[in-house]
mmCIF file of all heavy atoms, coordinates in Angstrom:
data_MODEL
# 
_entry.id   MODEL 
# 
loop_
_atom_site.group_PDB 
_atom_site.id 
_atom_site.type_symbol 
_atom_site.label_atom_id 
_atom_site.label_alt_id 
_atom_site.label_comp_id 
_atom_site.label_asym_id 
_atom_site.label_entity_id 
_atom_site.label_seq_id 
_atom_site.pdbx_PDB_ins_code 
_atom_site.Cartn_x 
_atom_site.Cartn_y 
_atom_site.Cartn_z 
_atom_site.occupancy 
_atom_site.B_iso_or_equiv 
_atom_site.pdbx_formal_charge 
_atom_site.auth_seq_id 
_atom_site.auth_comp_id 
_atom_site.auth_asym_id 
_atom_site.auth_atom_id 
_atom_site.pdbx_PDB_model_num 
ATOM 1   N N   . GLU A 1 1  ? -15.694 -11.596 3.897   1.00 0.00 ? 1  GLU A N   1 
ATOM 2   C CA  . GLU A 1 1  ? -15.211 -10.562 4.815   1.00 0.00 ? 1  GLU A CA  1 
ATOM 3   C C   . GLU A 1 1  ? -13.704 -10.380 4.697   1.00 0.00 ? 1  GLU A C   1 
ATOM 4   O O   . GLU A 1 1  ? -13.207 -9.248  4.718   1.00 0.00 ? 1  GLU A O   1 
ATOM 5   C CB  . GLU A 1 1  ? -15.595 -10.908 6.252   1.00 0.00 ? 1  GLU A CB  1 
ATOM 6   C CG  . GLU A 1 1  ? -15.208 -9.802  7.229   1.00 0.00 ? 1  GLU A CG  1 
ATOM 7   C CD  . GLU A 1 1  ? -15.649 -10.095 8.653   1.00 0.00 ? 1  GLU A CD  1 
ATOM 8   O OE1 . GLU A 1 1  ? -16.281 -11.151 8.883   1.00 0.00 ? 1  GLU A OE1 1 
ATOM 9   O OE2 . GLU A 1 1  ? -15.332 -9.269  9.540   1.00 0.00 ? 1  GLU A OE2 1 
ATOM 10  N N   . PHE A 1 2  ? -12.980 -11.479 4.562   1.00 0.00 ? 2  PHE A N   1 
ATOM 11  C CA  . PHE A 1 2  ? -11.521 -11.372 4.436   1.00 0.00 ? 2  PHE A CA  1 
ATOM 12  C C   . PHE A 1 2  ? -11.147 -10.579 3.190   1.00 0.00 ? 2  PHE A C   1 
ATOM 13  O O   . PHE A 1 2  ? -10.308 -9.665  3.247   1.00 0.00 ? 2  PHE A O   1 
ATOM 14  C CB  . PHE A 1 2  ? -10.887 -12.763 4.385   1.00 0.00 ? 2  PHE A CB  1 
ATOM 15  C CG  . PHE A 1 2  ? -9.385  -12.748 4.316   1.00 0.00 ? 2  PHE A CG  1 
ATOM 16  C CD1 . PHE A 1 2  ? -8.623  -12.773 5.469   1.00 0.00 ? 2  PHE A CD1 1 
ATOM 17  C CD2 . PHE A 1 2  ? -8.721  -12.680 3.097   1.00 0.00 ? 2  PHE A CD2 1 
ATOM 18  C CE1 . PHE A 1 2  ? -7.236  -12.743 5.404   1.00 0.00 ? 2  PHE A CE1 1 
ATOM 19  C CE2 . PHE A 1 2  ? -7.344  -12.646 3.016   1.00 0.00 ? 2  PHE A CE2 1 
ATOM 20  C CZ  . PHE A 1 2  ? -6.599  -12.676 4.186   1.00 0.00 ? 2  PHE A CZ  1 
ATOM 21  N N   . VAL A 1 3  ? -11.757 -10.901 2.052   1.00 0.00 ? 3  VAL A N   1 
ATOM 22  C CA  . VAL A 1 3  ? -11.430 -10.202 0.807   1.00 0.00 ? 3  VAL A CA  1 
ATOM 23  C C   . VAL A 1 3  ? -11.798 -8.729  0.915   1.00 0.00 ? 3  VAL A C   1 
ATOM 24  O O   . VAL A 1 3  ? -11.040 -7.841  0.471   1.00 0.00 ? 3  VAL A O   1 
ATOM 25  C CB  . VAL A 1 3  ? -12.139 -10.862 -0.387  1.00 0.00 ? 3  VAL A CB  1 
ATOM 26  C CG1 . VAL A 1 3  ? -11.968 -10.021 -1.650  1.00 0.00 ? 3  VAL A CG1 1 
ATOM 27  C CG2 . VAL A 1 3  ? -11.592 -12.267 -0.619  1.00 0.00 ? 3  VAL A CG2 1 
ATOM 28  N N   . SER A 1 4  ? -12.935 -8.440  1.522   1.00 0.00 ? 4  SER A N   1 
ATOM 29  C CA  . SER A 1 4  ? -13.360 -7.048  1.679   1.00 0.00 ? 4  SER A CA  1 
ATOM 30  C C   . SER A 1 4  ? -12.373 -6.266  2.534   1.00 0.00 ? 4  SER A C   1 
ATOM 31  O O   . SER A 1 4  ? -11.982 -5.137  2.186   1.00 0.00 ? 4  SER A O   1 
ATOM 32  C CB  . SER A 1 4  ? -14.751 -7.001  2.303   1.00 0.00 ? 4  SER A CB  1 
ATOM 33  O OG  . SER A 1 4  ? -15.149 -5.670  2.551   1.00 0.00 ? 4  SER A OG  1 
ATOM 34  N N   . ARG A 1 5  ? -11.964 -6.858  3.633   1.00 0.00 ? 5  ARG A N   1 
ATOM 35  C CA  . ARG A 1 5  ? -11.003 -6.187  4.519   1.00 0.00 ? 5  ARG A CA  1 
ATOM 36  C C   . ARG A 1 5  ? -9.654  -6.018  3.842   1.00 0.00 ? 5  ARG A C   1 
ATOM 37  O O   . ARG A 1 5  ? -8.998  -4.973  3.986   1.00 0.00 ? 5  ARG A O   1 
ATOM 38  C CB  . ARG A 1 5  ? -10.845 -6.974  5.816   1.00 0.00 ? 5  ARG A CB  1 
ATOM 39  C CG  . ARG A 1 5  ? -12.051 -6.952  6.736   1.00 0.00 ? 5  ARG A CG  1 
ATOM 40  C CD  . ARG A 1 5  ? -11.604 -7.466  8.091   1.00 0.00 ? 5  ARG A CD  1 
ATOM 41  N NE  . ARG A 1 5  ? -12.709 -7.688  9.012   1.00 0.00 ? 5  ARG A NE  1 
ATOM 42  C CZ  . ARG A 1 5  ? -12.555 -7.874  10.317  1.00 0.00 ? 5  ARG A CZ  1 
ATOM 43  N NH1 . ARG A 1 5  ? -11.315 -7.887  10.837  1.00 0.00 ? 5  ARG A NH1 1 
ATOM 44  N NH2 . ARG A 1 5  ? -13.578 -8.083  11.105  1.00 0.00 ? 5  ARG A NH2 1 
ATOM 45  N N   . LEU A 1 6  ? -9.222  -7.052  3.123   1.00 0.00 ? 6  LEU A N   1 
ATOM 46  C CA  . LEU A 1 6  ? -7.929  -6.965  2.437   1.00 0.00 ? 6  LEU A CA  1 
ATOM 47  C C   . LEU A 1 6  ? -7.964  -5.857  1.383   1.00 0.00 ? 6  LEU A C   1 
ATOM 48  O O   . LEU A 1 6  ? -7.005  -5.079  1.256   1.00 0.00 ? 6  LEU A O   1 
ATOM 49  C CB  . LEU A 1 6  ? -7.594  -8.312  1.788   1.00 0.00 ? 6  LEU A CB  1 
ATOM 50  C CG  . LEU A 1 6  ? -6.230  -8.416  1.102   1.00 0.00 ? 6  LEU A CG  1 
ATOM 51  C CD1 . LEU A 1 6  ? -5.095  -8.188  2.093   1.00 0.00 ? 6  LEU A CD1 1 
ATOM 52  C CD2 . LEU A 1 6  ? -6.075  -9.779  0.417   1.00 0.00 ? 6  LEU A CD2 1 
ATOM 53  N N   . LYS A 1 7  ? -9.060  -5.759  0.660   1.00 0.00 ? 7  LYS A N   1 
ATOM 54  C CA  . LYS A 1 7  ? -9.193  -4.702  -0.341  1.00 0.00 ? 7  LYS A CA  1 
ATOM 55  C C   . LYS A 1 7  ? -9.111  -3.323  0.305   1.00 0.00 ? 7  LYS A C   1 
ATOM 56  O O   . LYS A 1 7  ? -8.427  -2.415  -0.208  1.00 0.00 ? 7  LYS A O   1 
ATOM 57  C CB  . LYS A 1 7  ? -10.526 -4.851  -1.077  1.00 0.00 ? 7  LYS A CB  1 
ATOM 58  C CG  . LYS A 1 7  ? -10.778 -3.782  -2.135  1.00 0.00 ? 7  LYS A CG  1 
ATOM 59  C CD  . LYS A 1 7  ? -12.136 -3.971  -2.796  1.00 0.00 ? 7  LYS A CD  1 
ATOM 60  C CE  . LYS A 1 7  ? -12.407 -2.856  -3.813  1.00 0.00 ? 7  LYS A CE  1 
ATOM 61  N NZ  . LYS A 1 7  ? -13.755 -3.024  -4.454  1.00 0.00 ? 7  LYS A NZ  1 
ATOM 62  N N   . GLN A 1 8  ? -9.785  -3.151  1.433   1.00 0.00 ? 8  GLN A N   1 
ATOM 63  C CA  . GLN A 1 8  ? -9.750  -1.862  2.132   1.00 0.00 ? 8  GLN A CA  1 
ATOM 64  C C   . GLN A 1 8  ? -8.342  -1.513  2.595   1.00 0.00 ? 8  GLN A C   1 
ATOM 65  O O   . GLN A 1 8  ? -7.905  -0.358  2.500   1.00 0.00 ? 8  GLN A O   1 
ATOM 66  C CB  . GLN A 1 8  ? -10.705 -1.910  3.328   1.00 0.00 ? 8  GLN A CB  1 
ATOM 67  C CG  . GLN A 1 8  ? -12.171 -1.980  2.970   1.00 0.00 ? 8  GLN A CG  1 
ATOM 68  C CD  . GLN A 1 8  ? -13.056 -2.236  4.189   1.00 0.00 ? 8  GLN A CD  1 
ATOM 69  O OE1 . GLN A 1 8  ? -12.619 -2.052  5.324   1.00 0.00 ? 8  GLN A OE1 1 
ATOM 70  N NE2 . GLN A 1 8  ? -14.293 -2.671  3.950   1.00 0.00 ? 8  GLN A NE2 1 
ATOM 71  N N   . LYS A 1 9  ? -7.623  -2.511  3.094   1.00 0.00 ? 9  LYS A N   1 
ATOM 72  C CA  . LYS A 1 9  ? -6.263  -2.269  3.604   1.00 0.00 ? 9  LYS A CA  1 
ATOM 73  C C   . LYS A 1 9  ? -5.315  -1.851  2.487   1.00 0.00 ? 9  LYS A C   1 
ATOM 74  O O   . LYS A 1 9  ? -4.549  -0.892  2.638   1.00 0.00 ? 9  LYS A O   1 
ATOM 75  C CB  . LYS A 1 9  ? -5.736  -3.527  4.295   1.00 0.00 ? 9  LYS A CB  1 
ATOM 76  C CG  . LYS A 1 9  ? -6.332  -3.806  5.653   1.00 0.00 ? 9  LYS A CG  1 
ATOM 77  C CD  . LYS A 1 9  ? -5.686  -2.934  6.718   1.00 0.00 ? 9  LYS A CD  1 
ATOM 78  C CE  . LYS A 1 9  ? -6.161  -3.325  8.104   1.00 0.00 ? 9  LYS A CE  1 
ATOM 79  N NZ  . LYS A 1 9  ? -5.561  -2.465  9.158   1.00 0.00 ? 9  LYS A NZ  1 
ATOM 80  N N   . ILE A 1 10 ? -5.344  -2.558  1.380   1.00 0.00 ? 10 ILE A N   1 
ATOM 81  C CA  . ILE A 1 10 ? -4.358  -2.244  0.343   1.00 0.00 ? 10 ILE A CA  1 
ATOM 82  C C   . ILE A 1 10 ? -4.709  -0.947  -0.373  1.00 0.00 ? 10 ILE A C   1 
ATOM 83  O O   . ILE A 1 10 ? -3.830  -0.311  -0.967  1.00 0.00 ? 10 ILE A O   1 
ATOM 84  C CB  . ILE A 1 10 ? -4.164  -3.408  -0.654  1.00 0.00 ? 10 ILE A CB  1 
ATOM 85  C CG1 . ILE A 1 10 ? -5.397  -3.643  -1.491  1.00 0.00 ? 10 ILE A CG1 1 
ATOM 86  C CG2 . ILE A 1 10 ? -3.745  -4.660  0.068   1.00 0.00 ? 10 ILE A CG2 1 
ATOM 87  C CD1 . ILE A 1 10 ? -5.161  -4.678  -2.595  1.00 0.00 ? 10 ILE A CD1 1 
ATOM 88  N N   . ALA A 1 11 ? -5.974  -0.531  -0.288  1.00 0.00 ? 11 ALA A N   1 
ATOM 89  C CA  . ALA A 1 11 ? -6.349  0.753   -0.891  1.00 0.00 ? 11 ALA A CA  1 
ATOM 90  C C   . ALA A 1 11 ? -5.680  1.919   -0.184  1.00 0.00 ? 11 ALA A C   1 
ATOM 91  O O   . ALA A 1 11 ? -5.537  3.005   -0.763  1.00 0.00 ? 11 ALA A O   1 
ATOM 92  C CB  . ALA A 1 11 ? -7.866  0.925   -0.856  1.00 0.00 ? 11 ALA A CB  1 
ATOM 93  N N   . THR A 1 12 ? -5.253  1.705   1.050   1.00 0.00 ? 12 THR A N   1 
ATOM 94  C CA  . THR A 1 12 ? -4.628  2.788   1.817   1.00 0.00 ? 12 THR A CA  1 
ATOM 95  C C   . THR A 1 12 ? -3.109  2.806   1.675   1.00 0.00 ? 12 THR A C   1 
ATOM 96  O O   . THR A 1 12 ? -2.452  3.709   2.199   1.00 0.00 ? 12 THR A O   1 
ATOM 97  C CB  . THR A 1 12 ? -4.986  2.668   3.309   1.00 0.00 ? 12 THR A CB  1 
ATOM 98  O OG1 . THR A 1 12 ? -4.375  1.481   3.853   1.00 0.00 ? 12 THR A OG1 1 
ATOM 99  C CG2 . THR A 1 12 ? -6.489  2.594   3.505   1.00 0.00 ? 12 THR A CG2 1 
ATOM 100 N N   . LEU A 1 13 ? -2.536  1.798   1.013   1.00 0.00 ? 13 LEU A N   1 
ATOM 101 C CA  . LEU A 1 13 ? -1.081  1.740   0.886   1.00 0.00 ? 13 LEU A CA  1 
ATOM 102 C C   . LEU A 1 13 ? -0.566  2.898   0.038   1.00 0.00 ? 13 LEU A C   1 
ATOM 103 O O   . LEU A 1 13 ? -1.071  3.160   -1.048  1.00 0.00 ? 13 LEU A O   1 
ATOM 104 C CB  . LEU A 1 13 ? -0.654  0.408   0.267   1.00 0.00 ? 13 LEU A CB  1 
ATOM 105 C CG  . LEU A 1 13 ? -0.957  -0.856  1.080   1.00 0.00 ? 13 LEU A CG  1 
ATOM 106 C CD1 . LEU A 1 13 ? -0.558  -2.095  0.292   1.00 0.00 ? 13 LEU A CD1 1 
ATOM 107 C CD2 . LEU A 1 13 ? -0.236  -0.826  2.424   1.00 0.00 ? 13 LEU A CD2 1 
ATOM 108 N N   . LYS A 1 14 ? 0.461   3.553   0.540   1.00 0.00 ? 14 LYS A N   1 
ATOM 109 C CA  . LYS A 1 14 ? 1.038   4.680   -0.200  1.00 0.00 ? 14 LYS A CA  1 
ATOM 110 C C   . LYS A 1 14 ? 2.077   4.164   -1.187  1.00 0.00 ? 14 LYS A C   1 
ATOM 111 O O   . LYS A 1 14 ? 3.039   3.487   -0.818  1.00 0.00 ? 14 LYS A O   1 
ATOM 112 C CB  . LYS A 1 14 ? 1.684   5.682   0.752   1.00 0.00 ? 14 LYS A CB  1 
ATOM 113 C CG  . LYS A 1 14 ? 2.277   6.875   0.014   1.00 0.00 ? 14 LYS A CG  1 
ATOM 114 C CD  . LYS A 1 14 ? 2.902   7.894   0.954   1.00 0.00 ? 14 LYS A CD  1 
ATOM 115 C CE  . LYS A 1 14 ? 3.537   9.036   0.167   1.00 0.00 ? 14 LYS A CE  1 
ATOM 116 N NZ  . LYS A 1 14 ? 4.190   10.032  1.039   1.00 0.00 ? 14 LYS A NZ  1 
ATOM 117 N N   . ILE A 1 15 ? 1.886   4.501   -2.437  1.00 0.00 ? 15 ILE A N   1 
ATOM 118 C CA  . ILE A 1 15 ? 2.771   4.064   -3.516  1.00 0.00 ? 15 ILE A CA  1 
ATOM 119 C C   . ILE A 1 15 ? 3.677   5.228   -3.899  1.00 0.00 ? 15 ILE A C   1 
ATOM 120 O O   . ILE A 1 15 ? 3.215   6.370   -4.015  1.00 0.00 ? 15 ILE A O   1 
ATOM 121 C CB  . ILE A 1 15 ? 1.938   3.623   -4.730  1.00 0.00 ? 15 ILE A CB  1 
ATOM 122 C CG1 . ILE A 1 15 ? 0.990   2.494   -4.331  1.00 0.00 ? 15 ILE A CG1 1 
ATOM 123 C CG2 . ILE A 1 15 ? 2.843   3.203   -5.876  1.00 0.00 ? 15 ILE A CG2 1 
ATOM 124 C CD1 . ILE A 1 15 ? -0.067  2.185   -5.365  1.00 0.00 ? 15 ILE A CD1 1 
ATOM 125 N N   . GLY A 1 16 ? 4.969   4.957   -4.077  1.00 0.00 ? 16 GLY A N   1 
ATOM 126 C CA  . GLY A 1 16 ? 5.831   6.066   -4.467  1.00 0.00 ? 16 GLY A CA  1 
ATOM 127 C C   . GLY A 1 16 ? 7.308   5.755   -4.409  1.00 0.00 ? 16 GLY A C   1 
ATOM 128 O O   . GLY A 1 16 ? 7.741   4.600   -4.539  1.00 0.00 ? 16 GLY A O   1 
ATOM 129 N N   . ASP A 1 17 ? 8.084   6.792   -4.184  1.00 0.00 ? 17 ASP A N   1 
ATOM 130 C CA  . ASP A 1 17 ? 9.542   6.749   -4.162  1.00 0.00 ? 17 ASP A CA  1 
ATOM 131 C C   . ASP A 1 17 ? 10.011  5.835   -3.023  1.00 0.00 ? 17 ASP A C   1 
ATOM 132 O O   . ASP A 1 17 ? 9.656   6.054   -1.861  1.00 0.00 ? 17 ASP A O   1 
ATOM 133 C CB  . ASP A 1 17 ? 10.066  8.170   -3.941  1.00 0.00 ? 17 ASP A CB  1 
ATOM 134 C CG  . ASP A 1 17 ? 11.578  8.262   -3.949  1.00 0.00 ? 17 ASP A CG  1 
ATOM 135 O OD1 . ASP A 1 17 ? 12.249  7.210   -3.918  1.00 0.00 ? 17 ASP A OD1 1 
ATOM 136 O OD2 . ASP A 1 17 ? 12.090  9.401   -3.966  1.00 0.00 ? 17 ASP A OD2 1 
ATOM 137 N N   . PRO A 1 18 ? 10.809  4.808   -3.309  1.00 0.00 ? 18 PRO A N   1 
ATOM 138 C CA  . PRO A 1 18 ? 11.236  3.898   -2.248  1.00 0.00 ? 18 PRO A CA  1 
ATOM 139 C C   . PRO A 1 18 ? 12.124  4.552   -1.196  1.00 0.00 ? 18 PRO A C   1 
ATOM 140 O O   . PRO A 1 18 ? 12.254  4.029   -0.079  1.00 0.00 ? 18 PRO A O   1 
ATOM 141 C CB  . PRO A 1 18 ? 11.996  2.795   -2.997  1.00 0.00 ? 18 PRO A CB  1 
ATOM 142 C CG  . PRO A 1 18 ? 12.398  3.417   -4.291  1.00 0.00 ? 18 PRO A CG  1 
ATOM 143 C CD  . PRO A 1 18 ? 11.303  4.388   -4.625  1.00 0.00 ? 18 PRO A CD  1 
ATOM 144 N N   . SER A 1 19 ? 12.732  5.680   -1.510  1.00 0.00 ? 19 SER A N   1 
ATOM 145 C CA  . SER A 1 19 ? 13.568  6.375   -0.526  1.00 0.00 ? 19 SER A CA  1 
ATOM 146 C C   . SER A 1 19 ? 12.754  7.258   0.415   1.00 0.00 ? 19 SER A C   1 
ATOM 147 O O   . SER A 1 19 ? 13.272  7.752   1.415   1.00 0.00 ? 19 SER A O   1 
ATOM 148 C CB  . SER A 1 19 ? 14.630  7.225   -1.227  1.00 0.00 ? 19 SER A CB  1 
ATOM 149 O OG  . SER A 1 19 ? 14.026  8.243   -2.001  1.00 0.00 ? 19 SER A OG  1 
ATOM 150 N N   . ASP A 1 20 ? 11.467  7.443   0.120   1.00 0.00 ? 20 ASP A N   1 
ATOM 151 C CA  . ASP A 1 20 ? 10.568  8.210   0.982   1.00 0.00 ? 20 ASP A CA  1 
ATOM 152 C C   . ASP A 1 20 ? 10.137  7.307   2.134   1.00 0.00 ? 20 ASP A C   1 
ATOM 153 O O   . ASP A 1 20 ? 9.583   6.222   1.919   1.00 0.00 ? 20 ASP A O   1 
ATOM 154 C CB  . ASP A 1 20 ? 9.361   8.674   0.167   1.00 0.00 ? 20 ASP A CB  1 
ATOM 155 C CG  . ASP A 1 20 ? 8.405   9.557   0.966   1.00 0.00 ? 20 ASP A CG  1 
ATOM 156 O OD1 . ASP A 1 20 ? 8.386   9.476   2.209   1.00 0.00 ? 20 ASP A OD1 1 
ATOM 157 O OD2 . ASP A 1 20 ? 7.656   10.314  0.331   1.00 0.00 ? 20 ASP A OD2 1 
ATOM 158 N N   . GLU A 1 21 ? 10.351  7.750   3.361   1.00 0.00 ? 21 GLU A N   1 
ATOM 159 C CA  . GLU A 1 21 ? 10.072  6.920   4.529   1.00 0.00 ? 21 GLU A CA  1 
ATOM 160 C C   . GLU A 1 21 ? 8.598   6.589   4.685   1.00 0.00 ? 21 GLU A C   1 
ATOM 161 O O   . GLU A 1 21 ? 8.231   5.655   5.402   1.00 0.00 ? 21 GLU A O   1 
ATOM 162 C CB  . GLU A 1 21 ? 10.582  7.615   5.798   1.00 0.00 ? 21 GLU A CB  1 
ATOM 163 C CG  . GLU A 1 21 ? 12.090  7.721   5.883   1.00 0.00 ? 21 GLU A CG  1 
ATOM 164 C CD  . GLU A 1 21 ? 12.775  6.360   5.902   1.00 0.00 ? 21 GLU A CD  1 
ATOM 165 O OE1 . GLU A 1 21 ? 12.304  5.465   6.624   1.00 0.00 ? 21 GLU A OE1 1 
ATOM 166 O OE2 . GLU A 1 21 ? 13.778  6.193   5.172   1.00 0.00 ? 21 GLU A OE2 1 
ATOM 167 N N   . THR A 1 22 ? 7.727   7.345   4.049   1.00 0.00 ? 22 THR A N   1 
ATOM 168 C CA  . THR A 1 22 ? 6.292   7.081   4.177   1.00 0.00 ? 22 THR A CA  1 
ATOM 169 C C   . THR A 1 22 ? 5.760   6.142   3.103   1.00 0.00 ? 22 THR A C   1 
ATOM 170 O O   . THR A 1 22 ? 4.604   5.708   3.170   1.00 0.00 ? 22 THR A O   1 
ATOM 171 C CB  . THR A 1 22 ? 5.499   8.400   4.128   1.00 0.00 ? 22 THR A CB  1 
ATOM 172 O OG1 . THR A 1 22 ? 5.658   9.004   2.838   1.00 0.00 ? 22 THR A OG1 1 
ATOM 173 C CG2 . THR A 1 22 ? 5.973   9.361   5.212   1.00 0.00 ? 22 THR A CG2 1 
ATOM 174 N N   . THR A 1 23 ? 6.577   5.815   2.118   1.00 0.00 ? 23 THR A N   1 
ATOM 175 C CA  . THR A 1 23 ? 6.145   4.923   1.039   1.00 0.00 ? 23 THR A CA  1 
ATOM 176 C C   . THR A 1 23 ? 5.980   3.498   1.557   1.00 0.00 ? 23 THR A C   1 
ATOM 177 O O   . THR A 1 23 ? 6.802   3.001   2.330   1.00 0.00 ? 23 THR A O   1 
ATOM 178 C CB  . THR A 1 23 ? 7.155   4.950   -0.118  1.00 0.00 ? 23 THR A CB  1 
ATOM 179 O OG1 . THR A 1 23 ? 7.182   6.254   -0.683  1.00 0.00 ? 23 THR A OG1 1 
ATOM 180 C CG2 . THR A 1 23 ? 6.781   3.953   -1.196  1.00 0.00 ? 23 THR A CG2 1 
ATOM 181 N N   . GLN A 1 24 ? 4.930   2.835   1.106   1.00 0.00 ? 24 GLN A N   1 
ATOM 182 C CA  . GLN A 1 24 ? 4.678   1.446   1.495   1.00 0.00 ? 24 GLN A CA  1 
ATOM 183 C C   . GLN A 1 24 ? 4.787   0.471   0.326   1.00 0.00 ? 24 GLN A C   1 
ATOM 184 O O   . GLN A 1 24 ? 5.012   -0.712  0.533   1.00 0.00 ? 24 GLN A O   1 
ATOM 185 C CB  . GLN A 1 24 ? 3.286   1.338   2.130   1.00 0.00 ? 24 GLN A CB  1 
ATOM 186 C CG  . GLN A 1 24 ? 3.175   2.108   3.442   1.00 0.00 ? 24 GLN A CG  1 
ATOM 187 C CD  . GLN A 1 24 ? 1.746   2.231   3.907   1.00 0.00 ? 24 GLN A CD  1 
ATOM 188 O OE1 . GLN A 1 24 ? 0.942   2.932   3.288   1.00 0.00 ? 24 GLN A OE1 1 
ATOM 189 N NE2 . GLN A 1 24 ? 1.413   1.559   4.999   1.00 0.00 ? 24 GLN A NE2 1 
ATOM 190 N N   . ILE A 1 25 ? 4.611   0.968   -0.889  1.00 0.00 ? 25 ILE A N   1 
ATOM 191 C CA  . ILE A 1 25 ? 4.787   0.154   -2.092  1.00 0.00 ? 25 ILE A CA  1 
ATOM 192 C C   . ILE A 1 25 ? 5.671   0.935   -3.054  1.00 0.00 ? 25 ILE A C   1 
ATOM 193 O O   . ILE A 1 25 ? 5.309   2.029   -3.500  1.00 0.00 ? 25 ILE A O   1 
ATOM 194 C CB  . ILE A 1 25 ? 3.453   -0.166  -2.780  1.00 0.00 ? 25 ILE A CB  1 
ATOM 195 C CG1 . ILE A 1 25 ? 2.591   -1.072  -1.903  1.00 0.00 ? 25 ILE A CG1 1 
ATOM 196 C CG2 . ILE A 1 25 ? 3.688   -0.814  -4.142  1.00 0.00 ? 25 ILE A CG2 1 
ATOM 197 C CD1 . ILE A 1 25 ? 3.014   -2.516  -1.886  1.00 0.00 ? 25 ILE A CD1 1 
ATOM 198 N N   . GLY A 1 26 ? 6.822   0.381   -3.372  1.00 0.00 ? 26 GLY A N   1 
ATOM 199 C CA  . GLY A 1 26 ? 7.718   1.007   -4.329  1.00 0.00 ? 26 GLY A CA  1 
ATOM 200 C C   . GLY A 1 26 ? 7.608   0.332   -5.683  1.00 0.00 ? 26 GLY A C   1 
ATOM 201 O O   . GLY A 1 26 ? 6.728   -0.505  -5.915  1.00 0.00 ? 26 GLY A O   1 
ATOM 202 N N   . PRO A 1 27 ? 8.501   0.659   -6.600  1.00 0.00 ? 27 PRO A N   1 
ATOM 203 C CA  . PRO A 1 27 ? 8.489   0.032   -7.914  1.00 0.00 ? 27 PRO A CA  1 
ATOM 204 C C   . PRO A 1 27 ? 9.042   -1.383  -7.853  1.00 0.00 ? 27 PRO A C   1 
ATOM 205 O O   . PRO A 1 27 ? 9.733   -1.761  -6.899  1.00 0.00 ? 27 PRO A O   1 
ATOM 206 C CB  . PRO A 1 27 ? 9.406   0.943   -8.738  1.00 0.00 ? 27 PRO A CB  1 
ATOM 207 C CG  . PRO A 1 27 ? 10.354  1.530   -7.731  1.00 0.00 ? 27 PRO A CG  1 
ATOM 208 C CD  . PRO A 1 27 ? 9.556   1.693   -6.466  1.00 0.00 ? 27 PRO A CD  1 
ATOM 209 N N   . MET A 1 28 ? 8.722   -2.157  -8.860  1.00 0.00 ? 28 MET A N   1 
ATOM 210 C CA  . MET A 1 28 ? 9.341   -3.472  -9.014  1.00 0.00 ? 28 MET A CA  1 
ATOM 211 C C   . MET A 1 28 ? 10.776  -3.280  -9.493  1.00 0.00 ? 28 MET A C   1 
ATOM 212 O O   . MET A 1 28 ? 11.174  -2.194  -9.915  1.00 0.00 ? 28 MET A O   1 
ATOM 213 C CB  . MET A 1 28 ? 8.524   -4.331  -9.972  1.00 0.00 ? 28 MET A CB  1 
ATOM 214 C CG  . MET A 1 28 ? 7.139   -4.676  -9.436  1.00 0.00 ? 28 MET A CG  1 
ATOM 215 S SD  . MET A 1 28 ? 6.206   -5.798  -10.520 1.00 0.00 ? 28 MET A SD  1 
ATOM 216 C CE  . MET A 1 28 ? 7.182   -7.320  -10.406 1.00 0.00 ? 28 MET A CE  1 
# 
């Protein structure tokens, strides 16, 4: 259940420009 929930959560993370206030994952 933990792995399933974690997978669902990270699937919703918004990836993009780090200067965009809505971004949750930026580049390394």
